[in-house]
């Protein structure tokens, strides 16, 4: 159908989270080696448009409390 499978967005969210941590100077390897784990306990996604194969996507990641 040419449309990206909906669950693939979650993989890209994880890439965004990892890259955000790297940008902040905090490597996941180091955090986990110190015994700190950051599990995802809940995910919500509201789809505004479908991504199509070969689209270039921008992933914006931010932390909120």
C-alpha atoms as a PDB file:
ATOM      1  CA  UNK A   1       0.000   0.000   0.000  1.00  0.00           C
ATOM      2  CA  UNK A   2       3.021   2.297   0.279  1.00  0.00           C
ATOM      3  CA  UNK A   3       2.109   3.399   3.814  1.00  0.00           C
ATOM      4  CA  UNK A   4       4.461   2.796   6.752  1.00  0.00           C
ATOM      5  CA  UNK A   5       3.247   0.122   9.180  1.00  0.00           C
ATOM      6  CA  UNK A   6       1.894   1.904  12.264  1.00  0.00           C
ATOM      7  CA  UNK A   7       4.093   0.082  14.812  1.00  0.00           C
ATOM      8  CA  UNK A   8       7.271   1.298  13.091  1.00  0.00           C
ATOM      9  CA  UNK A   9       6.645   4.747  14.563  1.00  0.00           C
ATOM     10  CA  UNK A  10       7.458   3.323  18.004  1.00  0.00           C
ATOM     11  CA  UNK A  11      10.874   2.240  16.743  1.00  0.00           C
ATOM     12  CA  UNK A  12      11.531   5.768  15.531  1.00  0.00           C
ATOM     13  CA  UNK A  13      10.415   7.165  18.879  1.00  0.00           C
ATOM     14  CA  UNK A  14      13.082   5.018  20.535  1.00  0.00           C
ATOM     15  CA  UNK A  15      15.705   6.318  18.106  1.00  0.00           C
ATOM     16  CA  UNK A  16      14.611   9.856  19.001  1.00  0.00           C
ATOM     17  CA  UNK A  17      14.908   9.120  22.718  1.00  0.00           C
ATOM     18  CA  UNK A  18      18.377   7.631  22.323  1.00  0.00           C
ATOM     19  CA  UNK A  19      19.580  10.527  20.167  1.00  0.00           C
ATOM     20  CA  UNK A  20      18.173  13.075  22.631  1.00  0.00           C
ATOM     21  CA  UNK A  21      20.135  11.459  25.451  1.00  0.00           C
ATOM     22  CA  UNK A  22      23.277  11.433  23.302  1.00  0.00           C
ATOM     23  CA  UNK A  23      22.752  15.117  22.477  1.00  0.00           C
ATOM     24  CA  UNK A  24      22.513  15.843  26.212  1.00  0.00           C
ATOM     25  CA  UNK A  25      25.842  14.052  26.701  1.00  0.00           C
ATOM     26  CA  UNK A  26      24.317  11.054  28.455  1.00  0.00           C
ATOM     27  CA  UNK A  27      24.934   7.662  26.836  1.00  0.00           C
ATOM     28  CA  UNK A  28      22.436   4.897  27.573  1.00  0.00           C
ATOM     29  CA  UNK A  29      25.319   2.430  27.938  1.00  0.00           C
ATOM     30  CA  UNK A  30      26.761   4.481  30.778  1.00  0.00           C
ATOM     31  CA  UNK A  31      23.433   4.926  32.530  1.00  0.00           C
ATOM     32  CA  UNK A  32      22.634   1.222  32.367  1.00  0.00           C
ATOM     33  CA  UNK A  33      26.152   0.283  33.488  1.00  0.00           C
ATOM     34  CA  UNK A  34      25.467   2.348  36.619  1.00  0.00           C
ATOM     35  CA  UNK A  35      22.314   0.329  37.243  1.00  0.00           C
ATOM     36  CA  UNK A  36      19.834   3.001  36.137  1.00  0.00           C
ATOM     37  CA  UNK A  37      17.155   1.901  33.684  1.00  0.00           C
ATOM     38  CA  UNK A  38      14.597   4.067  31.915  1.00  0.00           C
ATOM     39  CA  UNK A  39      11.735   1.801  30.886  1.00  0.00           C
ATOM     40  CA  UNK A  40       8.873   3.131  28.817  1.00  0.00           C
ATOM     41  CA  UNK A  41       5.754   2.528  30.879  1.00  0.00           C
ATOM     42  CA  UNK A  42       3.205   4.087  28.549  1.00  0.00           C
ATOM     43  CA  UNK A  43       3.030   5.203  24.933  1.00  0.00           C
ATOM     44  CA  UNK A  44       0.465   7.385  23.221  1.00  0.00           C
ATOM     45  CA  UNK A  45       0.547   8.347  19.589  1.00  0.00           C
ATOM     46  CA  UNK A  46      -1.908  10.472  17.666  1.00  0.00           C
ATOM     47  CA  UNK A  47      -1.429  10.085  13.935  1.00  0.00           C
ATOM     48  CA  UNK A  48      -1.941  13.255  11.921  1.00  0.00           C
ATOM     49  CA  UNK A  49      -0.774  11.919   8.571  1.00  0.00           C
ATOM     50  CA  UNK A  50       0.599   8.690   7.220  1.00  0.00           C
ATOM     51  CA  UNK A  51       4.259   8.357   6.367  1.00  0.00           C
ATOM     52  CA  UNK A  52       4.917   6.776   3.023  1.00  0.00           C
ATOM     53  CA  UNK A  53       7.865   4.617   2.109  1.00  0.00           C
ATOM     54  CA  UNK A  54      10.965   6.646   1.260  1.00  0.00           C
ATOM     55  CA  UNK A  55       9.628   9.773   3.034  1.00  0.00           C
ATOM     56  CA  UNK A  56      12.161  11.747   5.030  1.00  0.00           C
ATOM     57  CA  UNK A  57      10.888  12.152   8.579  1.00  0.00           C
ATOM     58  CA  UNK A  58      11.891  14.572  11.317  1.00  0.00           C
ATOM     59  CA  UNK A  59      11.649  13.189  14.841  1.00  0.00           C
ATOM     60  CA  UNK A  60      11.416  15.788  17.603  1.00  0.00           C
ATOM     61  CA  UNK A  61      11.959  14.515  21.125  1.00  0.00           C
ATOM     62  CA  UNK A  62      11.527  16.370  24.390  1.00  0.00           C
ATOM     63  CA  UNK A  63      11.230  15.583  28.056  1.00  0.00           C
ATOM     64  CA  UNK A  64       8.340  16.851  30.093  1.00  0.00           C
ATOM     65  CA  UNK A  65       7.437  16.272  33.697  1.00  0.00           C
END
